[in-house]
All heavy atoms as atom14 arrays in JSON, in Angstrom:
{
  "sequence": "FRMWVLGLASCVLLSFANQFFWYRTQPLSISSISAQIAVVPLGHLMA",
  "atom14_mask": [
    [1, 1, 1, 1, 1, 1, 1, 1, 1, 1, 1, 0, 0, 0],
    [1, 1, 1, 1, 1, 1, 1, 1, 1, 1, 1, 0, 0, 0],
    [1, 1, 1, 1, 1, 1, 1, 1, 0, 0, 0, 0, 0, 0],
    [1, 1, 1, 1, 1, 1, 1, 1, 1, 1, 1, 1, 1, 1],
    [1, 1, 1, 1, 1, 1, 1, 0, 0, 0, 0, 0, 0, 0],
    [1, 1, 1, 1, 1, 1, 1, 1, 0, 0, 0, 0, 0, 0],
    [1, 1, 1, 1, 0, 0, 0, 0, 0, 0, 0, 0, 0, 0],
    [1, 1, 1, 1, 1, 1, 1, 1, 0, 0, 0, 0, 0, 0],
    [1, 1, 1, 1, 1, 0, 0, 0, 0, 0, 0, 0, 0, 0],
    [1, 1, 1, 1, 1, 1, 0, 0, 0, 0, 0, 0, 0, 0],
    [1, 1, 1, 1, 1, 1, 0, 0, 0, 0, 0, 0, 0, 0],
    [1, 1, 1, 1, 1, 1, 1, 0, 0, 0, 0, 0, 0, 0],
    [1, 1, 1, 1, 1, 1, 1, 1, 0, 0, 0, 0, 0, 0],
    [1, 1, 1, 1, 1, 1, 1, 1, 0, 0, 0, 0, 0, 0],
    [1, 1, 1, 1, 1, 1, 0, 0, 0, 0, 0, 0, 0, 0],
    [1, 1, 1, 1, 1, 1, 1, 1, 1, 1, 1, 0, 0, 0],
    [1, 1, 1, 1, 1, 0, 0, 0, 0, 0, 0, 0, 0, 0],
    [1, 1, 1, 1, 1, 1, 1, 1, 0, 0, 0, 0, 0, 0],
    [1, 1, 1, 1, 1, 1, 1, 1, 1, 0, 0, 0, 0, 0],
    [1, 1, 1, 1, 1, 1, 1, 1, 1, 1, 1, 0, 0, 0],
    [1, 1, 1, 1, 1, 1, 1, 1, 1, 1, 1, 0, 0, 0],
    [1, 1, 1, 1, 1, 1, 1, 1, 1, 1, 1, 1, 1, 1],
    [1, 1, 1, 1, 1, 1, 1, 1, 1, 1, 1, 1, 0, 0],
    [1, 1, 1, 1, 1, 1, 1, 1, 1, 1, 1, 0, 0, 0],
    [1, 1, 1, 1, 1, 1, 1, 0, 0, 0, 0, 0, 0, 0],
    [1, 1, 1, 1, 1, 1, 1, 1, 1, 0, 0, 0, 0, 0],
    [1, 1, 1, 1, 1, 1, 1, 0, 0, 0, 0, 0, 0, 0],
    [1, 1, 1, 1, 1, 1, 1, 1, 0, 0, 0, 0, 0, 0],
    [1, 1, 1, 1, 1, 1, 0, 0, 0, 0, 0, 0, 0, 0],
    [1, 1, 1, 1, 1, 1, 1, 1, 0, 0, 0, 0, 0, 0],
    [1, 1, 1, 1, 1, 1, 0, 0, 0, 0, 0, 0, 0, 0],
    [1, 1, 1, 1, 1, 1, 0, 0, 0, 0, 0, 0, 0, 0],
    [1, 1, 1, 1, 1, 1, 1, 1, 0, 0, 0, 0, 0, 0],
    [1, 1, 1, 1, 1, 1, 0, 0, 0, 0, 0, 0, 0, 0],
    [1, 1, 1, 1, 1, 0, 0, 0, 0, 0, 0, 0, 0, 0],
    [1, 1, 1, 1, 1, 1, 1, 1, 1, 0, 0, 0, 0, 0],
    [1, 1, 1, 1, 1, 1, 1, 1, 0, 0, 0, 0, 0, 0],
    [1, 1, 1, 1, 1, 0, 0, 0, 0, 0, 0, 0, 0, 0],
    [1, 1, 1, 1, 1, 1, 1, 0, 0, 0, 0, 0, 0, 0],
    [1, 1, 1, 1, 1, 1, 1, 0, 0, 0, 0, 0, 0, 0],
    [1, 1, 1, 1, 1, 1, 1, 0, 0, 0, 0, 0, 0, 0],
    [1, 1, 1, 1, 1, 1, 1, 1, 0, 0, 0, 0, 0, 0],
    [1, 1, 1, 1, 0, 0, 0, 0, 0, 0, 0, 0, 0, 0],
    [1, 1, 1, 1, 1, 1, 1, 1, 1, 1, 0, 0, 0, 0],
    [1, 1, 1, 1, 1, 1, 1, 1, 0, 0, 0, 0, 0, 0],
    [1, 1, 1, 1, 1, 1, 1, 1, 0, 0, 0, 0, 0, 0],
    [1, 1, 1, 1, 1, 0, 0, 0, 0, 0, 0, 0, 0, 0]
  ],
  "atom14_positions": [
    [[34.71, 16.34, -37.44], [33.54, 15.45, -37.52], [33.18, 14.91, -36.12], [32.05, 14.89, -35.74], [33.89, 14.26, -38.46], [32.84, 13.22, -38.49], [31.65, 13.39, -39.17], [33.06, 12.03, -37.78], [30.68, 12.35, -39.17], [32.1, 11.0, -37.78], [30.91, 11.2, -38.49], [0.0, 0.0, 0.0], [0.0, 0.0, 0.0], [0.0, 0.0, 0.0]],
    [[34.19, 14.47, -35.34], [33.9, 13.92, -34.03], [33.39, 15.01, -33.08], [32.6, 14.7, -32.18], [35.12, 13.2, -33.48], [36.37, 14.03, -33.36], [37.6, 13.18, -33.18], [38.8, 13.99, -33.17], [39.96, 13.63, -33.69], [40.08, 12.43, -34.27], [41.03, 14.42, -33.64], [0.0, 0.0, 0.0], [0.0, 0.0, 0.0], [0.0, 0.0, 0.0]],
    [[33.82, 16.24, -33.29], [33.28, 17.3, -32.46], [31.81, 17.47, -32.66], [31.02, 17.63, -31.75], [34.04, 18.62, -32.77], [33.63, 19.8, -31.88], [32.06, 20.61, -32.3], [32.44, 21.29, -33.91], [0.0, 0.0, 0.0], [0.0, 0.0, 0.0], [0.0, 0.0, 0.0], [0.0, 0.0, 0.0], [0.0, 0.0, 0.0], [0.0, 0.0, 0.0]],
    [[31.37, 17.43, -33.94], [29.96, 17.58, -34.25], [29.12, 16.4, -33.72], [28.07, 16.61, -33.14], [29.76, 17.67, -35.77], [30.08, 19.03, -36.35], [31.18, 19.4, -37.06], [29.3, 20.23, -36.17], [31.15, 20.72, -37.38], [29.99, 21.28, -36.85], [28.11, 20.55, -35.55], [29.57, 22.58, -36.91], [27.61, 21.82, -35.61], [28.35, 22.84, -36.3]],
    [[29.65, 15.22, -33.89], [28.91, 14.04, -33.43], [28.77, 14.04, -31.89], [27.67, 13.92, -31.35], [29.6, 12.74, -33.88], [28.94, 11.51, -33.22], [29.54, 12.63, -35.4], [0.0, 0.0, 0.0], [0.0, 0.0, 0.0], [0.0, 0.0, 0.0], [0.0, 0.0, 0.0], [0.0, 0.0, 0.0], [0.0, 0.0, 0.0], [0.0, 0.0, 0.0]],
    [[29.88, 14.2, -31.19], [29.85, 14.14, -29.75], [29.21, 15.39, -29.16], [28.51, 15.32, -28.15], [31.28, 14.01, -29.18], [31.98, 12.68, -29.56], [33.42, 12.72, -29.0], [31.24, 11.5, -28.95], [0.0, 0.0, 0.0], [0.0, 0.0, 0.0], [0.0, 0.0, 0.0], [0.0, 0.0, 0.0], [0.0, 0.0, 0.0], [0.0, 0.0, 0.0]],
    [[29.37, 16.55, -29.82], [28.77, 17.77, -29.32], [27.23, 17.75, -29.43], [26.52, 18.06, -28.47], [0.0, 0.0, 0.0], [0.0, 0.0, 0.0], [0.0, 0.0, 0.0], [0.0, 0.0, 0.0], [0.0, 0.0, 0.0], [0.0, 0.0, 0.0], [0.0, 0.0, 0.0], [0.0, 0.0, 0.0], [0.0, 0.0, 0.0], [0.0, 0.0, 0.0]],
    [[26.73, 17.35, -30.58], [25.28, 17.28, -30.73], [24.68, 16.19, -29.85], [23.57, 16.4, -29.28], [24.92, 17.0, -32.22], [25.16, 18.16, -33.18], [24.99, 17.72, -34.64], [24.23, 19.31, -32.89], [0.0, 0.0, 0.0], [0.0, 0.0, 0.0], [0.0, 0.0, 0.0], [0.0, 0.0, 0.0], [0.0, 0.0, 0.0], [0.0, 0.0, 0.0]],
    [[25.34, 15.05, -29.71], [24.85, 14.01, -28.84], [24.79, 14.49, -27.39], [23.8, 14.22, -26.68], [25.74, 12.76, -28.94], [0.0, 0.0, 0.0], [0.0, 0.0, 0.0], [0.0, 0.0, 0.0], [0.0, 0.0, 0.0], [0.0, 0.0, 0.0], [0.0, 0.0, 0.0], [0.0, 0.0, 0.0], [0.0, 0.0, 0.0], [0.0, 0.0, 0.0]],
    [[25.84, 15.2, -26.93], [25.83, 15.74, -25.57], [24.7, 16.75, -25.34], [24.03, 16.72, -24.32], [27.2, 16.42, -25.3], [28.24, 15.53, -25.43], [0.0, 0.0, 0.0], [0.0, 0.0, 0.0], [0.0, 0.0, 0.0], [0.0, 0.0, 0.0], [0.0, 0.0, 0.0], [0.0, 0.0, 0.0], [0.0, 0.0, 0.0], [0.0, 0.0, 0.0]],
    [[24.48, 17.61, -26.35], [23.44, 18.58, -26.25], [22.06, 17.95, -26.14], [21.27, 18.33, -25.27], [23.51, 19.53, -27.47], [22.31, 20.85, -27.45], [0.0, 0.0, 0.0], [0.0, 0.0, 0.0], [0.0, 0.0, 0.0], [0.0, 0.0, 0.0], [0.0, 0.0, 0.0], [0.0, 0.0, 0.0], [0.0, 0.0, 0.0], [0.0, 0.0, 0.0]],
    [[21.81, 16.96, -26.98], [20.52, 16.29, -26.96], [20.25, 15.57, -25.66], [19.19, 15.66, -25.02], [20.42, 15.32, -28.14], [19.18, 14.43, -28.03], [20.34, 16.08, -29.46], [0.0, 0.0, 0.0], [0.0, 0.0, 0.0], [0.0, 0.0, 0.0], [0.0, 0.0, 0.0], [0.0, 0.0, 0.0], [0.0, 0.0, 0.0], [0.0, 0.0, 0.0]],
    [[21.27, 14.78, -25.21], [21.09, 13.98, -23.98], [20.91, 14.86, -22.74], [20.05, 14.6, -21.9], [22.29, 13.06, -23.81], [22.37, 11.89, -24.83], [23.65, 11.12, -24.66], [21.18, 10.97, -24.74], [0.0, 0.0, 0.0], [0.0, 0.0, 0.0], [0.0, 0.0, 0.0], [0.0, 0.0, 0.0], [0.0, 0.0, 0.0], [0.0, 0.0, 0.0]],
    [[21.73, 15.92, -22.63], [21.61, 16.78, -21.47], [20.32, 17.58, -21.51], [19.71, 17.85, -20.45], [22.81, 17.75, -21.38], [24.08, 17.18, -20.8], [25.18, 18.22, -20.73], [23.84, 16.61, -19.4], [0.0, 0.0, 0.0], [0.0, 0.0, 0.0], [0.0, 0.0, 0.0], [0.0, 0.0, 0.0], [0.0, 0.0, 0.0], [0.0, 0.0, 0.0]],
    [[19.86, 17.99, -22.69], [18.61, 18.72, -22.78], [17.44, 17.85, -22.31], [16.59, 18.26, -21.52], [18.33, 19.17, -24.21], [19.34, 20.07, -24.65], [0.0, 0.0, 0.0], [0.0, 0.0, 0.0], [0.0, 0.0, 0.0], [0.0, 0.0, 0.0], [0.0, 0.0, 0.0], [0.0, 0.0, 0.0], [0.0, 0.0, 0.0], [0.0, 0.0, 0.0]],
    [[17.43, 16.59, -22.76], [16.4, 15.68, -22.35], [16.45, 15.42, -20.83], [15.4, 15.51, -20.14], [16.53, 14.35, -23.1], [15.62, 13.28, -22.57], [14.28, 13.25, -22.92], [16.11, 12.28, -21.69], [13.45, 12.25, -22.41], [15.28, 11.31, -21.18], [13.94, 11.27, -21.55], [0.0, 0.0, 0.0], [0.0, 0.0, 0.0], [0.0, 0.0, 0.0]],
    [[17.63, 15.13, -20.34], [17.77, 14.8, -18.91], [17.39, 15.95, -17.99], [16.68, 15.77, -16.99], [19.19, 14.31, -18.62], [0.0, 0.0, 0.0], [0.0, 0.0, 0.0], [0.0, 0.0, 0.0], [0.0, 0.0, 0.0], [0.0, 0.0, 0.0], [0.0, 0.0, 0.0], [0.0, 0.0, 0.0], [0.0, 0.0, 0.0], [0.0, 0.0, 0.0]],
    [[17.83, 17.14, -18.34], [17.55, 18.3, -17.47], [16.08, 18.68, -17.47], [15.53, 19.03, -16.44], [18.41, 19.49, -17.86], [19.79, 19.42, -17.26], [19.97, 19.47, -16.05], [20.81, 19.24, -18.11], [0.0, 0.0, 0.0], [0.0, 0.0, 0.0], [0.0, 0.0, 0.0], [0.0, 0.0, 0.0], [0.0, 0.0, 0.0], [0.0, 0.0, 0.0]],
    [[15.41, 18.59, -18.62], [14.0, 18.89, -18.66], [13.22, 17.77, -17.92], [12.26, 18.04, -17.2], [13.47, 19.01, -20.07], [11.99, 19.35, -20.18], [11.67, 20.68, -19.51], [12.32, 21.67, -19.71], [10.66, 20.68, -18.63], [0.0, 0.0, 0.0], [0.0, 0.0, 0.0], [0.0, 0.0, 0.0], [0.0, 0.0, 0.0], [0.0, 0.0, 0.0]],
    [[13.66, 16.53, -18.06], [13.02, 15.43, -17.39], [13.09, 15.59, -15.85], [12.09, 15.44, -15.15], [13.67, 14.1, -17.79], [13.06, 12.88, -17.23], [11.99, 12.29, -17.9], [13.51, 12.3, -16.06], [11.39, 11.16, -17.41], [12.91, 11.14, -15.57], [11.87, 10.56, -16.24], [0.0, 0.0, 0.0], [0.0, 0.0, 0.0], [0.0, 0.0, 0.0]],
    [[14.27, 15.96, -15.35], [14.44, 16.1, -13.89], [13.91, 17.44, -13.36], [13.79, 17.6, -12.17], [15.93, 15.92, -13.52], [16.4, 14.52, -13.59], [17.33, 14.13, -14.5], [15.92, 13.56, -12.71], [17.8, 12.82, -14.59], [16.34, 12.26, -12.77], [17.29, 11.87, -13.72], [0.0, 0.0, 0.0], [0.0, 0.0, 0.0], [0.0, 0.0, 0.0]],
    [[13.64, 18.37, -14.28], [13.17, 19.7, -13.87], [11.85, 19.64, -13.15], [11.58, 20.42, -12.25], [13.05, 20.6, -15.1], [12.68, 22.01, -14.83], [11.49, 22.62, -15.02], [13.55, 23.01, -14.33], [11.55, 23.96, -14.67], [12.82, 24.22, -14.21], [14.88, 23.04, -13.89], [13.38, 25.4, -13.76], [15.43, 24.2, -13.45], [14.67, 25.38, -13.37]],
    [[10.99, 18.68, -13.49], [9.7, 18.59, -12.9], [9.7, 17.83, -11.55], [8.65, 17.78, -10.9], [8.71, 17.86, -13.85], [8.32, 18.65, -15.09], [8.57, 18.17, -16.36], [7.69, 19.88, -14.94], [8.17, 18.89, -17.47], [7.32, 20.63, -16.07], [7.57, 20.12, -17.31], [7.19, 20.84, -18.43], [0.0, 0.0, 0.0], [0.0, 0.0, 0.0]],
    [[10.82, 17.3, -11.19], [10.87, 16.52, -9.96], [10.65, 17.39, -8.72], [11.0, 18.56, -8.69], [12.21, 15.77, -9.82], [12.42, 14.72, -10.83], [13.47, 13.71, -10.44], [14.48, 14.23, -9.52], [15.22, 13.44, -8.72], [14.98, 12.14, -8.7], [16.12, 13.95, -7.94], [0.0, 0.0, 0.0], [0.0, 0.0, 0.0], [0.0, 0.0, 0.0]],
    [[10.11, 16.75, -7.65], [9.94, 17.44, -6.39], [11.28, 17.95, -5.89], [11.39, 19.04, -5.31], [9.31, 16.5, -5.35], [8.06, 16.05, -5.87], [9.08, 17.22, -4.03], [0.0, 0.0, 0.0], [0.0, 0.0, 0.0], [0.0, 0.0, 0.0], [0.0, 0.0, 0.0], [0.0, 0.0, 0.0], [0.0, 0.0, 0.0], [0.0, 0.0, 0.0]],
    [[12.35, 17.17, -6.06], [13.72, 17.58, -5.79], [14.42, 17.74, -7.14], [14.96, 16.79, -7.67], [14.45, 16.56, -4.92], [13.88, 16.42, -3.51], [14.01, 17.7, -2.66], [14.91, 18.5, -2.9], [13.12, 17.88, -1.74], [0.0, 0.0, 0.0], [0.0, 0.0, 0.0], [0.0, 0.0, 0.0], [0.0, 0.0, 0.0], [0.0, 0.0, 0.0]],
    [[14.4, 18.94, -7.73], [14.94, 19.1, -9.08], [16.44, 18.78, -9.11], [17.17, 18.98, -8.16], [14.73, 20.58, -9.41], [13.68, 21.03, -8.41], [13.86, 20.2, -7.2], [0.0, 0.0, 0.0], [0.0, 0.0, 0.0], [0.0, 0.0, 0.0], [0.0, 0.0, 0.0], [0.0, 0.0, 0.0], [0.0, 0.0, 0.0], [0.0, 0.0, 0.0]],
    [[16.88, 18.27, -10.22], [18.28, 17.98, -10.41], [18.75, 18.63, -11.71], [18.14, 18.45, -12.78], [18.55, 16.48, -10.49], [19.97, 16.06, -10.9], [20.93, 16.42, -9.75], [20.04, 14.59, -11.21], [0.0, 0.0, 0.0], [0.0, 0.0, 0.0], [0.0, 0.0, 0.0], [0.0, 0.0, 0.0], [0.0, 0.0, 0.0], [0.0, 0.0, 0.0]],
    [[19.81, 19.42, -11.63], [20.37, 20.02, -12.82], [21.72, 19.33, -13.12], [22.63, 19.37, -12.29], [20.58, 21.52, -12.6], [21.2, 22.11, -13.72], [0.0, 0.0, 0.0], [0.0, 0.0, 0.0], [0.0, 0.0, 0.0], [0.0, 0.0, 0.0], [0.0, 0.0, 0.0], [0.0, 0.0, 0.0], [0.0, 0.0, 0.0], [0.0, 0.0, 0.0]],
    [[21.76, 18.63, -14.2], [23.0, 17.94, -14.59], [23.86, 18.88, -15.4], [23.49, 19.33, -16.5], [22.65, 16.66, -15.41], [21.74, 15.76, -14.6], [23.94, 15.91, -15.78], [21.27, 14.53, -15.35], [0.0, 0.0, 0.0], [0.0, 0.0, 0.0], [0.0, 0.0, 0.0], [0.0, 0.0, 0.0], [0.0, 0.0, 0.0], [0.0, 0.0, 0.0]],
    [[24.99, 19.23, -14.88], [25.86, 20.21, -15.52], [26.59, 19.6, -16.71], [26.61, 18.38, -16.91], [26.89, 20.76, -14.49], [27.85, 19.79, -14.2], [0.0, 0.0, 0.0], [0.0, 0.0, 0.0], [0.0, 0.0, 0.0], [0.0, 0.0, 0.0], [0.0, 0.0, 0.0], [0.0, 0.0, 0.0], [0.0, 0.0, 0.0], [0.0, 0.0, 0.0]],
    [[27.15, 20.48, -17.5], [27.93, 20.02, -18.65], [29.17, 19.25, -18.3], [29.77, 18.57, -19.16], [28.3, 21.21, -19.57], [29.1, 22.13, -18.84], [0.0, 0.0, 0.0], [0.0, 0.0, 0.0], [0.0, 0.0, 0.0], [0.0, 0.0, 0.0], [0.0, 0.0, 0.0], [0.0, 0.0, 0.0], [0.0, 0.0, 0.0], [0.0, 0.0, 0.0]],
    [[29.56, 19.3, -17.03], [30.78, 18.6, -16.59], [30.61, 17.12, -16.79], [31.55, 16.4, -17.12], [31.08, 18.93, -15.09], [31.6, 20.37, -15.02], [32.1, 18.0, -14.54], [31.85, 20.87, -13.63], [0.0, 0.0, 0.0], [0.0, 0.0, 0.0], [0.0, 0.0, 0.0], [0.0, 0.0, 0.0], [0.0, 0.0, 0.0], [0.0, 0.0, 0.0]],
    [[29.41, 16.6, -16.59], [29.16, 15.17, -16.79], [29.5, 14.79, -18.23], [30.17, 13.74, -18.48], [27.69, 14.83, -16.5], [27.35, 15.23, -15.2], [0.0, 0.0, 0.0], [0.0, 0.0, 0.0], [0.0, 0.0, 0.0], [0.0, 0.0, 0.0], [0.0, 0.0, 0.0], [0.0, 0.0, 0.0], [0.0, 0.0, 0.0], [0.0, 0.0, 0.0]],
    [[29.0, 15.55, -19.22], [29.32, 15.26, -20.6], [30.79, 15.52, -20.88], [31.41, 14.78, -21.67], [28.48, 16.12, -21.53], [0.0, 0.0, 0.0], [0.0, 0.0, 0.0], [0.0, 0.0, 0.0], [0.0, 0.0, 0.0], [0.0, 0.0, 0.0], [0.0, 0.0, 0.0], [0.0, 0.0, 0.0], [0.0, 0.0, 0.0], [0.0, 0.0, 0.0]],
    [[31.33, 16.54, -20.26], [32.74, 16.85, -20.4], [33.65, 15.66, -20.1], [34.65, 15.43, -20.77], [33.09, 18.03, -19.53], [34.46, 18.66, -19.74], [34.68, 19.87, -18.9], [33.78, 20.31, -18.2], [35.86, 20.42, -18.93], [0.0, 0.0, 0.0], [0.0, 0.0, 0.0], [0.0, 0.0, 0.0], [0.0, 0.0, 0.0], [0.0, 0.0, 0.0]],
    [[33.25, 14.89, -19.09], [34.02, 13.73, -18.71], [33.75, 12.55, -19.62], [34.63, 11.84, -20.09], [33.7, 13.31, -17.26], [33.91, 14.49, -16.3], [34.54, 12.11, -16.83], [35.27, 15.1, -16.38], [0.0, 0.0, 0.0], [0.0, 0.0, 0.0], [0.0, 0.0, 0.0], [0.0, 0.0, 0.0], [0.0, 0.0, 0.0], [0.0, 0.0, 0.0]],
    [[32.45, 12.34, -19.88], [32.02, 11.13, -20.61], [32.56, 11.09, -22.05], [32.79, 9.99, -22.58], [30.51, 11.05, -20.63], [0.0, 0.0, 0.0], [0.0, 0.0, 0.0], [0.0, 0.0, 0.0], [0.0, 0.0, 0.0], [0.0, 0.0, 0.0], [0.0, 0.0, 0.0], [0.0, 0.0, 0.0], [0.0, 0.0, 0.0], [0.0, 0.0, 0.0]],
    [[32.77, 12.25, -22.69], [33.18, 12.23, -24.11], [34.64, 11.95, -24.31], [35.07, 11.64, -25.42], [32.79, 13.56, -24.81], [31.3, 13.8, -24.75], [33.59, 14.73, -24.21], [0.0, 0.0, 0.0], [0.0, 0.0, 0.0], [0.0, 0.0, 0.0], [0.0, 0.0, 0.0], [0.0, 0.0, 0.0], [0.0, 0.0, 0.0], [0.0, 0.0, 0.0]],
    [[35.43, 12.03, -23.26], [36.89, 11.88, -23.41], [37.26, 10.48, -23.97], [37.94, 10.37, -24.99], [37.63, 12.14, -22.09], [39.12, 11.82, -22.22], [37.46, 13.59, -21.71], [0.0, 0.0, 0.0], [0.0, 0.0, 0.0], [0.0, 0.0, 0.0], [0.0, 0.0, 0.0], [0.0, 0.0, 0.0], [0.0, 0.0, 0.0], [0.0, 0.0, 0.0]],
    [[36.83, 9.38, -23.33], [37.16, 8.09, -23.93], [36.54, 7.88, -25.31], [37.15, 7.23, -26.19], [36.59, 7.06, -22.93], [35.58, 7.81, -22.14], [36.06, 9.21, -22.09], [0.0, 0.0, 0.0], [0.0, 0.0, 0.0], [0.0, 0.0, 0.0], [0.0, 0.0, 0.0], [0.0, 0.0, 0.0], [0.0, 0.0, 0.0], [0.0, 0.0, 0.0]],
    [[35.36, 8.46, -25.54], [34.73, 8.33, -26.85], [35.55, 9.09, -27.9], [35.7, 8.62, -29.05], [33.3, 8.88, -26.82], [32.32, 8.11, -25.9], [30.96, 8.82, -25.89], [32.14, 6.67, -26.38], [0.0, 0.0, 0.0], [0.0, 0.0, 0.0], [0.0, 0.0, 0.0], [0.0, 0.0, 0.0], [0.0, 0.0, 0.0], [0.0, 0.0, 0.0]],
    [[36.04, 10.26, -27.55], [36.87, 11.03, -28.47], [38.15, 10.31, -28.85], [38.51, 10.25, -30.02], [0.0, 0.0, 0.0], [0.0, 0.0, 0.0], [0.0, 0.0, 0.0], [0.0, 0.0, 0.0], [0.0, 0.0, 0.0], [0.0, 0.0, 0.0], [0.0, 0.0, 0.0], [0.0, 0.0, 0.0], [0.0, 0.0, 0.0], [0.0, 0.0, 0.0]],
    [[38.8, 9.73, -27.85], [40.03, 8.96, -28.12], [39.73, 7.7, -28.95], [40.52, 7.32, -29.83], [40.69, 8.59, -26.81], [41.33, 9.77, -26.11], [42.31, 10.55, -26.72], [41.12, 10.3, -24.88], [42.68, 11.51, -25.88], [41.96, 11.39, -24.75], [0.0, 0.0, 0.0], [0.0, 0.0, 0.0], [0.0, 0.0, 0.0], [0.0, 0.0, 0.0]],
    [[38.57, 7.06, -28.68], [38.18, 5.89, -29.44], [37.95, 6.26, -30.92], [38.4, 5.52, -31.83], [36.93, 5.29, -28.84], [36.35, 4.04, -29.58], [37.32, 2.9, -29.52], [35.0, 3.66, -28.98], [0.0, 0.0, 0.0], [0.0, 0.0, 0.0], [0.0, 0.0, 0.0], [0.0, 0.0, 0.0], [0.0, 0.0, 0.0], [0.0, 0.0, 0.0]],
    [[37.26, 7.36, -31.16], [37.03, 7.79, -32.53], [38.32, 8.14, -33.25], [38.48, 7.9, -34.45], [36.06, 8.96, -32.56], [34.65, 8.66, -32.08], [33.56, 10.09, -31.97], [33.18, 10.32, -33.72], [0.0, 0.0, 0.0], [0.0, 0.0, 0.0], [0.0, 0.0, 0.0], [0.0, 0.0, 0.0], [0.0, 0.0, 0.0], [0.0, 0.0, 0.0]],
    [[39.28, 8.74, -32.47], [40.55, 9.1, -33.07], [41.34, 7.85, -33.48], [42.14, 7.9, -34.46], [41.38, 9.92, -32.08], [0.0, 0.0, 0.0], [0.0, 0.0, 0.0], [0.0, 0.0, 0.0], [0.0, 0.0, 0.0], [0.0, 0.0, 0.0], [0.0, 0.0, 0.0], [0.0, 0.0, 0.0], [0.0, 0.0, 0.0], [0.0, 0.0, 0.0]]
  ]
}
């Protein structure tokens, strides 16, 4: 259950952020590593 919750949330947030920054004069691509780090404390909290 926590995989689905955190996985879908990561997918939605990164999709929004990367498309948002895609149009910038200096484009920024936020890699999955950011979500990879951020979900660790959330995963342990849910556990």
